[in-house]
Amino acid sequence: MLTTLGKILERLILNRVEWFVGVNNLYPPEQTGFRKGHCSLDNVACLENDVSNSFNQRHSTIAILFDWADAYGNVIHQNCWRY
């Protein structure tokens, strides 16, 4: 029973925080993932639009992309504490 109550409370708090952040425009305009009405592919569409506009104006576009998937799992962890 406690886990059900916890999930209901978590959903209520999440809805309230999402509403507050949305109403007060606290999301950066570049953030599209984890937002209602947006998806992570929106950034890909913006990049495509920027590249197309730069190409039409004969300018250059540079994109630096990072793949953070499993980045922490590939770090060598050494024991820093010696007793």
PDB file of N, CA and C in Angstrom:
ATOM      1  N   MET A   1       0.817  -1.201   0.000  1.00  0.00           N
ATOM      2  CA  MET A   1       0.000   0.000   0.000  1.00  0.00           C
ATOM      3  C   MET A   1       0.863   1.268   0.000  1.00  0.00           C
ATOM      4  N   LEU A   2       2.001   1.194   0.673  1.00  0.00           N
ATOM      5  CA  LEU A   2       2.877   2.356   0.762  1.00  0.00           C
ATOM      6  C   LEU A   2       3.475   2.702  -0.603  1.00  0.00           C
ATOM      7  N   THR A   3       3.829   1.686  -1.409  1.00  0.00           N
ATOM      8  CA  THR A   3       4.402   1.972  -2.720  1.00  0.00           C
ATOM      9  C   THR A   3       3.372   2.605  -3.642  1.00  0.00           C
ATOM     10  N   THR A   4       2.123   2.190  -3.540  1.00  0.00           N
ATOM     11  CA  THR A   4       1.063   2.792  -4.360  1.00  0.00           C
ATOM     12  C   THR A   4       0.872   4.252  -3.985  1.00  0.00           C
ATOM     13  N   LEU A   5       0.845   4.527  -2.699  1.00  0.00           N
ATOM     14  CA  LEU A   5       0.707   5.906  -2.236  1.00  0.00           C
ATOM     15  C   LEU A   5       1.905   6.744  -2.669  1.00  0.00           C
ATOM     16  N   GLY A   6       3.101   6.155  -2.618  1.00  0.00           N
ATOM     17  CA  GLY A   6       4.298   6.865  -3.052  1.00  0.00           C
ATOM     18  C   GLY A   6       4.269   7.192  -4.537  1.00  0.00           C
ATOM     19  N   LYS A   7       3.788   6.261  -5.356  1.00  0.00           N
ATOM     20  CA  LYS A   7       3.694   6.512  -6.796  1.00  0.00           C
ATOM     21  C   LYS A   7       2.674   7.593  -7.113  1.00  0.00           C
ATOM     22  N   ILE A   8       1.572   7.595  -6.409  1.00  0.00           N
ATOM     23  CA  ILE A   8       0.555   8.637  -6.618  1.00  0.00           C
ATOM     24  C   ILE A   8       1.113   9.999  -6.217  1.00  0.00           C
ATOM     25  N   LEU A   9       1.787  10.058  -5.088  1.00  0.00           N
ATOM     26  CA  LEU A   9       2.373  11.317  -4.627  1.00  0.00           C
ATOM     27  C   LEU A   9       3.457  11.789  -5.598  1.00  0.00           C
ATOM     28  N   GLU A  10       4.266  10.852  -6.083  1.00  0.00           N
ATOM     29  CA  GLU A  10       5.304  11.213  -7.046  1.00  0.00           C
ATOM     30  C   GLU A  10       4.692  11.792  -8.316  1.00  0.00           C
ATOM     31  N   ARG A  11       3.624  11.213  -8.814  1.00  0.00           N
ATOM     32  CA  ARG A  11       2.961  11.705 -10.033  1.00  0.00           C
ATOM     33  C   ARG A  11       2.379  13.097  -9.804  1.00  0.00           C
ATOM     34  N   LEU A  12       1.785  13.332  -8.633  1.00  0.00           N
ATOM     35  CA  LEU A  12       1.233  14.651  -8.326  1.00  0.00           C
ATOM     36  C   LEU A  12       2.325  15.716  -8.289  1.00  0.00           C
ATOM     37  N   ILE A  13       3.442  15.392  -7.644  1.00  0.00           N
ATOM     38  CA  ILE A  13       4.541  16.350  -7.555  1.00  0.00           C
ATOM     39  C   ILE A  13       5.138  16.601  -8.938  1.00  0.00           C
ATOM     40  N   LEU A  14       5.313  15.537  -9.731  1.00  0.00           N
ATOM     41  CA  LEU A  14       5.863  15.687 -11.074  1.00  0.00           C
ATOM     42  C   LEU A  14       4.975  16.582 -11.934  1.00  0.00           C
ATOM     43  N   ASN A  15       3.680  16.355 -11.896  1.00  0.00           N
ATOM     44  CA  ASN A  15       2.757  17.196 -12.671  1.00  0.00           C
ATOM     45  C   ASN A  15       2.845  18.655 -12.247  1.00  0.00           C
ATOM     46  N   ARG A  16       2.937  18.891 -10.959  1.00  0.00           N
ATOM     47  CA  ARG A  16       2.998  20.265 -10.449  1.00  0.00           C
ATOM     48  C   ARG A  16       4.308  20.945 -10.847  1.00  0.00           C
ATOM     49  N   VAL A  17       5.434  20.213 -10.756  1.00  0.00           N
ATOM     50  CA  VAL A  17       6.733  20.792 -11.129  1.00  0.00           C
ATOM     51  C   VAL A  17       6.775  21.073 -12.625  1.00  0.00           C
ATOM     52  N   GLU A  18       6.287  20.132 -13.447  1.00  0.00           N
ATOM     53  CA  GLU A  18       6.251  20.357 -14.899  1.00  0.00           C
ATOM     54  C   GLU A  18       5.387  21.563 -15.240  1.00  0.00           C
ATOM     55  N   TRP A  19       4.260  21.704 -14.584  1.00  0.00           N
ATOM     56  CA  TRP A  19       3.386  22.855 -14.824  1.00  0.00           C
ATOM     57  C   TRP A  19       4.109  24.149 -14.453  1.00  0.00           C
ATOM     58  N   PHE A  20       4.736  24.194 -13.277  1.00  0.00           N
ATOM     59  CA  PHE A  20       5.411  25.388 -12.792  1.00  0.00           C
ATOM     60  C   PHE A  20       6.545  25.798 -13.731  1.00  0.00           C
ATOM     61  N   VAL A  21       7.349  24.825 -14.145  1.00  0.00           N
ATOM     62  CA  VAL A  21       8.480  25.114 -15.033  1.00  0.00           C
ATOM     63  C   VAL A  21       7.980  25.596 -16.388  1.00  0.00           C
ATOM     64  N   GLY A  22       6.904  25.000 -16.890  1.00  0.00           N
ATOM     65  CA  GLY A  22       6.354  25.407 -18.175  1.00  0.00           C
ATOM     66  C   GLY A  22       5.740  26.793 -18.150  1.00  0.00           C
ATOM     67  N   VAL A  23       4.984  27.097 -17.107  1.00  0.00           N
ATOM     68  CA  VAL A  23       4.313  28.395 -16.998  1.00  0.00           C
ATOM     69  C   VAL A  23       5.326  29.524 -16.838  1.00  0.00           C
ATOM     70  N   ASN A  24       6.394  29.285 -16.105  1.00  0.00           N
ATOM     71  CA  ASN A  24       7.398  30.320 -15.838  1.00  0.00           C
ATOM     72  C   ASN A  24       8.545  30.313 -16.847  1.00  0.00           C
ATOM     73  N   ASN A  25       8.403  29.553 -17.928  1.00  0.00           N
ATOM     74  CA  ASN A  25       9.416  29.499 -18.998  1.00  0.00           C
ATOM     75  C   ASN A  25      10.815  29.243 -18.452  1.00  0.00           C
ATOM     76  N   LEU A  26      10.958  28.237 -17.605  1.00  0.00           N
ATOM     77  CA  LEU A  26      12.249  27.915 -17.016  1.00  0.00           C
ATOM     78  C   LEU A  26      13.043  26.911 -17.849  1.00  0.00           C
ATOM     79  N   TYR A  27      12.394  26.307 -18.848  1.00  0.00           N
ATOM     80  CA  TYR A  27      13.121  25.419 -19.752  1.00  0.00           C
ATOM     81  C   TYR A  27      13.949  26.252 -20.720  1.00  0.00           C
ATOM     82  N   PRO A  28      15.203  25.874 -20.955  1.00  0.00           N
ATOM     83  CA  PRO A  28      15.936  26.567 -22.023  1.00  0.00           C
ATOM     84  C   PRO A  28      15.319  26.201 -23.368  1.00  0.00           C
ATOM     85  N   PRO A  29      15.309  27.111 -24.321  1.00  0.00           N
ATOM     86  CA  PRO A  29      14.657  26.836 -25.602  1.00  0.00           C
ATOM     87  C   PRO A  29      15.291  25.669 -26.355  1.00  0.00           C
ATOM     88  N   GLU A  30      16.567  25.359 -26.074  1.00  0.00           N
ATOM     89  CA  GLU A  30      17.245  24.266 -26.757  1.00  0.00           C
ATOM     90  C   GLU A  30      16.838  22.902 -26.227  1.00  0.00           C
ATOM     91  N   GLN A  31      16.254  22.843 -25.039  1.00  0.00           N
ATOM     92  CA  GLN A  31      15.887  21.556 -24.453  1.00  0.00           C
ATOM     93  C   GLN A  31      14.583  21.066 -25.062  1.00  0.00           C
ATOM     94  N   THR A  32      14.657  19.918 -25.713  1.00  0.00           N
ATOM     95  CA  THR A  32      13.450  19.354 -26.313  1.00  0.00           C
ATOM     96  C   THR A  32      13.114  18.005 -25.710  1.00  0.00           C
ATOM     97  N   GLY A  33      14.096  17.264 -25.251  1.00  0.00           N
ATOM     98  CA  GLY A  33      13.832  15.973 -24.630  1.00  0.00           C
ATOM     99  C   GLY A  33      13.170  16.146 -23.282  1.00  0.00           C
ATOM    100  N   PHE A  34      12.313  15.234 -22.925  1.00  0.00           N
ATOM    101  CA  PHE A  34      11.615  15.222 -21.635  1.00  0.00           C
ATOM    102  C   PHE A  34      10.689  16.427 -21.446  1.00  0.00           C
ATOM    103  N   ARG A  35      10.178  16.968 -22.537  1.00  0.00           N
ATOM    104  CA  ARG A  35       9.200  18.054 -22.473  1.00  0.00           C
ATOM    105  C   ARG A  35       7.954  17.632 -23.220  1.00  0.00           C
ATOM    106  N   LYS A  36       6.813  18.017 -22.693  1.00  0.00           N
ATOM    107  CA  LYS A  36       5.554  17.713 -23.365  1.00  0.00           C
ATOM    108  C   LYS A  36       5.458  18.510 -24.662  1.00  0.00           C
ATOM    109  N   GLY A  37       5.038  17.833 -25.728  1.00  0.00           N
ATOM    110  CA  GLY A  37       4.889  18.488 -27.014  1.00  0.00           C
ATOM    111  C   GLY A  37       6.185  18.606 -27.793  1.00  0.00           C
ATOM    112  N   HIS A  38       7.273  18.072 -27.271  1.00  0.00           N
ATOM    113  CA  HIS A  38       8.572  18.115 -27.940  1.00  0.00           C
ATOM    114  C   HIS A  38       9.158  16.712 -27.945  1.00  0.00           C
ATOM    115  N   CYS A  39      10.105  16.491 -28.839  1.00  0.00           N
ATOM    116  CA  CYS A  39      10.843  15.231 -28.826  1.00  0.00           C
ATOM    117  C   CYS A  39      12.307  15.529 -29.100  1.00  0.00           C
ATOM    118  N   SER A  40      13.159  14.558 -28.855  1.00  0.00           N
ATOM    119  CA  SER A  40      14.585  14.781 -29.021  1.00  0.00           C
ATOM    120  C   SER A  40      14.975  14.984 -30.489  1.00  0.00           C
ATOM    121  N   LEU A  41      14.121  14.590 -31.420  1.00  0.00           N
ATOM    122  CA  LEU A  41      14.407  14.807 -32.840  1.00  0.00           C
ATOM    123  C   LEU A  41      14.186  16.253 -33.271  1.00  0.00           C
ATOM    124  N   ASP A  42      13.570  17.068 -32.429  1.00  0.00           N
ATOM    125  CA  ASP A  42      13.403  18.486 -32.745  1.00  0.00           C
ATOM    126  C   ASP A  42      14.757  19.169 -32.916  1.00  0.00           C
ATOM    127  N   ASN A  43      15.747  18.772 -32.103  1.00  0.00           N
ATOM    128  CA  ASN A  43      17.083  19.354 -32.239  1.00  0.00           C
ATOM    129  C   ASN A  43      17.733  18.954 -33.557  1.00  0.00           C
ATOM    130  N   VAL A  44      17.473  17.744 -34.021  1.00  0.00           N
ATOM    131  CA  VAL A  44      17.999  17.307 -35.309  1.00  0.00           C
ATOM    132  C   VAL A  44      17.378  18.138 -36.428  1.00  0.00           C
ATOM    133  N   ALA A  45      16.091  18.419 -36.334  1.00  0.00           N
ATOM    134  CA  ALA A  45      15.419  19.248 -37.337  1.00  0.00           C
ATOM    135  C   ALA A  45      15.986  20.671 -37.335  1.00  0.00           C
ATOM    136  N   CYS A  46      16.274  21.209 -36.152  1.00  0.00           N
ATOM    137  CA  CYS A  46      16.872  22.556 -36.074  1.00  0.00           C
ATOM    138  C   CYS A  46      18.272  22.568 -36.687  1.00  0.00           C
ATOM    139  N   LEU A  47      19.049  21.525 -36.442  1.00  0.00           N
ATOM    140  CA  LEU A  47      20.377  21.435 -37.033  1.00  0.00           C
ATOM    141  C   LEU A  47      20.290  21.354 -38.549  1.00  0.00           C
ATOM    142  N   GLU A  48      19.362  20.549 -39.049  1.00  0.00           N
ATOM    143  CA  GLU A  48      19.181  20.443 -40.497  1.00  0.00           C
ATOM    144  C   GLU A  48      18.795  21.796 -41.099  1.00  0.00           C
ATOM    145  N   ASN A  49      17.927  22.514 -40.426  1.00  0.00           N
ATOM    146  CA  ASN A  49      17.503  23.839 -40.894  1.00  0.00           C
ATOM    147  C   ASN A  49      18.687  24.816 -40.914  1.00  0.00           C
ATOM    148  N   ASP A  50      19.501  24.794 -39.857  1.00  0.00           N
ATOM    149  CA  ASP A  50      20.667  25.680 -39.798  1.00  0.00           C
ATOM    150  C   ASP A  50      21.669  25.358 -40.900  1.00  0.00           C
ATOM    151  N   VAL A  51      21.904  24.075 -41.142  1.00  0.00           N
ATOM    152  CA  VAL A  51      22.842  23.673 -42.201  1.00  0.00           C
ATOM    153  C   VAL A  51      22.312  24.099 -43.559  1.00  0.00           C
ATOM    154  N   SER A  52      21.022  23.909 -43.779  1.00  0.00           N
ATOM    155  CA  SER A  52      20.417  24.290 -45.054  1.00  0.00           C
ATOM    156  C   SER A  52      20.495  25.800 -45.287  1.00  0.00           C
ATOM    157  N   ASN A  53      20.186  26.579 -44.260  1.00  0.00           N
ATOM    158  CA  ASN A  53      20.267  28.041 -44.380  1.00  0.00           C
ATOM    159  C   ASN A  53      21.707  28.501 -44.621  1.00  0.00           C
ATOM    160  N   SER A  54      22.652  27.898 -43.925  1.00  0.00           N
ATOM    161  CA  SER A  54      24.057  28.262 -44.133  1.00  0.00           C
ATOM    162  C   SER A  54      24.514  27.903 -45.538  1.00  0.00           C
ATOM    163  N   PHE A  55      24.084  26.739 -46.018  1.00  0.00           N
ATOM    164  CA  PHE A  55      24.446  26.322 -47.372  1.00  0.00           C
ATOM    165  C   PHE A  55      23.891  27.298 -48.403  1.00  0.00           C
ATOM    166  N   ASN A  56      22.646  27.730 -48.227  1.00  0.00           N
ATOM    167  CA  ASN A  56      22.034  28.682 -49.161  1.00  0.00           C
ATOM    168  C   ASN A  56      22.728  30.040 -49.141  1.00  0.00           C
ATOM    169  N   GLN A  57      23.266  30.427 -48.006  1.00  0.00           N
ATOM    170  CA  GLN A  57      23.970  31.709 -47.881  1.00  0.00           C
ATOM    171  C   GLN A  57      25.471  31.563 -48.118  1.00  0.00           C
ATOM    172  N   ARG A  58      25.901  30.361 -48.484  1.00  0.00           N
ATOM    173  CA  ARG A  58      27.310  30.046 -48.748  1.00  0.00           C
ATOM    174  C   ARG A  58      28.187  30.297 -47.528  1.00  0.00           C
ATOM    175  N   HIS A  59      27.654  29.958 -46.363  1.00  0.00           N
ATOM    176  CA  HIS A  59      28.409  30.010 -45.115  1.00  0.00           C
ATOM    177  C   HIS A  59      28.722  28.586 -44.675  1.00  0.00           C
ATOM    178  N   SER A  60      29.551  28.480 -43.673  1.00  0.00           N
ATOM    179  CA  SER A  60      29.909  27.172 -43.128  1.00  0.00           C
ATOM    180  C   SER A  60      29.145  26.932 -41.832  1.00  0.00           C
ATOM    181  N   THR A  61      28.922  25.674 -41.550  1.00  0.00           N
ATOM    182  CA  THR A  61      28.306  25.272 -40.289  1.00  0.00           C
ATOM    183  C   THR A  61      29.162  24.192 -39.666  1.00  0.00           C
ATOM    184  N   ILE A  62      29.457  24.350 -38.391  1.00  0.00           N
ATOM    185  CA  ILE A  62      30.239  23.359 -37.658  1.00  0.00           C
ATOM    186  C   ILE A  62      29.350  22.783 -36.566  1.00  0.00           C
ATOM    187  N   ALA A  63      29.309  21.470 -36.483  1.00  0.00           N
ATOM    188  CA  ALA A  63      28.539  20.798 -35.436  1.00  0.00           C
ATOM    189  C   ALA A  63      29.484  19.893 -34.659  1.00  0.00           C
ATOM    190  N   ILE A  64      29.440  20.009 -33.351  1.00  0.00           N
ATOM    191  CA  ILE A  64      30.220  19.135 -32.470  1.00  0.00           C
ATOM    192  C   ILE A  64      29.214  18.274 -31.722  1.00  0.00           C
ATOM    193  N   LEU A  65      29.298  16.985 -31.911  1.00  0.00           N
ATOM    194  CA  LEU A  65      28.342  16.051 -31.335  1.00  0.00           C
ATOM    195  C   LEU A  65      29.050  15.155 -30.321  1.00  0.00           C
ATOM    196  N   PHE A  66      28.420  14.943 -29.196  1.00  0.00           N
ATOM    197  CA  PHE A  66      28.955  14.074 -28.152  1.00  0.00           C
ATOM    198  C   PHE A  66      28.025  12.891 -27.972  1.00  0.00           C
ATOM    199  N   ASP A  67      28.587  11.740 -27.773  1.00  0.00           N
ATOM    200  CA  ASP A  67      27.811  10.549 -27.456  1.00  0.00           C
ATOM    201  C   ASP A  67      28.125  10.172 -26.013  1.00  0.00           C
ATOM    202  N   TRP A  68      27.225  10.534 -25.120  1.00  0.00           N
ATOM    203  CA  TRP A  68      27.449  10.306 -23.700  1.00  0.00           C
ATOM    204  C   TRP A  68      26.934   8.949 -23.239  1.00  0.00           C
ATOM    205  N   ALA A  69      26.451   8.121 -24.143  1.00  0.00           N
ATOM    206  CA  ALA A  69      25.910   6.812 -23.767  1.00  0.00           C
ATOM    207  C   ALA A  69      27.002   5.978 -23.106  1.00  0.00           C
ATOM    208  N   ASP A  70      26.734   5.520 -21.936  1.00  0.00           N
ATOM    209  CA  ASP A  70      27.640   4.659 -21.176  1.00  0.00           C
ATOM    210  C   ASP A  70      28.995   5.316 -20.933  1.00  0.00           C
ATOM    211  N   ALA A  71      29.045   6.633 -20.877  1.00  0.00           N
ATOM    212  CA  ALA A  71      30.305   7.340 -20.665  1.00  0.00           C
ATOM    213  C   ALA A  71      30.876   7.029 -19.286  1.00  0.00           C
ATOM    214  N   TYR A  72      30.036   6.979 -18.283  1.00  0.00           N
ATOM    215  CA  TYR A  72      30.522   6.722 -16.926  1.00  0.00           C
ATOM    216  C   TYR A  72      31.033   5.293 -16.790  1.00  0.00           C
ATOM    217  N   GLY A  73      30.437   4.353 -17.496  1.00  0.00           N
ATOM    218  CA  GLY A  73      30.859   2.963 -17.415  1.00  0.00           C
ATOM    219  C   GLY A  73      32.212   2.704 -18.044  1.00  0.00           C
ATOM    220  N   ASN A  74      32.693   3.609 -18.887  1.00  0.00           N
ATOM    221  CA  ASN A  74      33.982   3.437 -19.544  1.00  0.00           C
ATOM    222  C   ASN A  74      35.127   4.138 -18.823  1.00  0.00           C
ATOM    223  N   VAL A  75      34.850   4.783 -17.704  1.00  0.00           N
ATOM    224  CA  VAL A  75      35.882   5.474 -16.941  1.00  0.00           C
ATOM    225  C   VAL A  75      36.592   4.461 -16.051  1.00  0.00           C
ATOM    226  N   ILE A  76      37.914   4.559 -16.012  1.00  0.00           N
ATOM    227  CA  ILE A  76      38.680   3.673 -15.133  1.00  0.00           C
ATOM    228  C   ILE A  76      38.603   4.235 -13.723  1.00  0.00           C
ATOM    229  N   HIS A  77      38.033   3.462 -12.837  1.00  0.00           N
ATOM    230  CA  HIS A  77      37.869   3.897 -11.444  1.00  0.00           C
ATOM    231  C   HIS A  77      38.995   3.295 -10.607  1.00  0.00           C
ATOM    232  N   GLN A  78      39.747   4.151  -9.968  1.00  0.00           N
ATOM    233  CA  GLN A  78      40.819   3.683  -9.096  1.00  0.00           C
ATOM    234  C   GLN A  78      40.477   4.072  -7.673  1.00  0.00           C
ATOM    235  N   ASN A  79      40.897   3.244  -6.754  1.00  0.00           N
ATOM    236  CA  ASN A  79      40.661   3.511  -5.350  1.00  0.00           C
ATOM    237  C   ASN A  79      41.592   4.643  -4.917  1.00  0.00           C
ATOM    238  N   CYS A  80      41.018   5.798  -4.637  1.00  0.00           N
ATOM    239  CA  CYS A  80      41.808   6.971  -4.256  1.00  0.00           C
ATOM    240  C   CYS A  80      42.144   6.960  -2.768  1.00  0.00           C
ATOM    241  N   TRP A  81      41.390   6.229  -1.985  1.00  0.00           N
ATOM    242  CA  TRP A  81      41.601   6.218  -0.547  1.00  0.00           C
ATOM    243  C   TRP A  81      42.511   5.059  -0.178  1.00  0.00           C
ATOM    244  N   ARG A  82      43.633   5.357   0.380  1.00  0.00           N
ATOM    245  CA  ARG A  82      44.583   4.335   0.827  1.00  0.00           C
ATOM    246  C   ARG A  82      44.609   4.335   2.346  1.00  0.00           C
ATOM    247  N   TYR A  83      44.471   3.169   2.920  1.00  0.00           N
ATOM    248  CA  TYR A  83      44.484   3.054   4.389  1.00  0.00           C
ATOM    249  C   TYR A  83      45.780   2.454   4.837  1.00  0.00           C
TER     250      TYR A  83
END
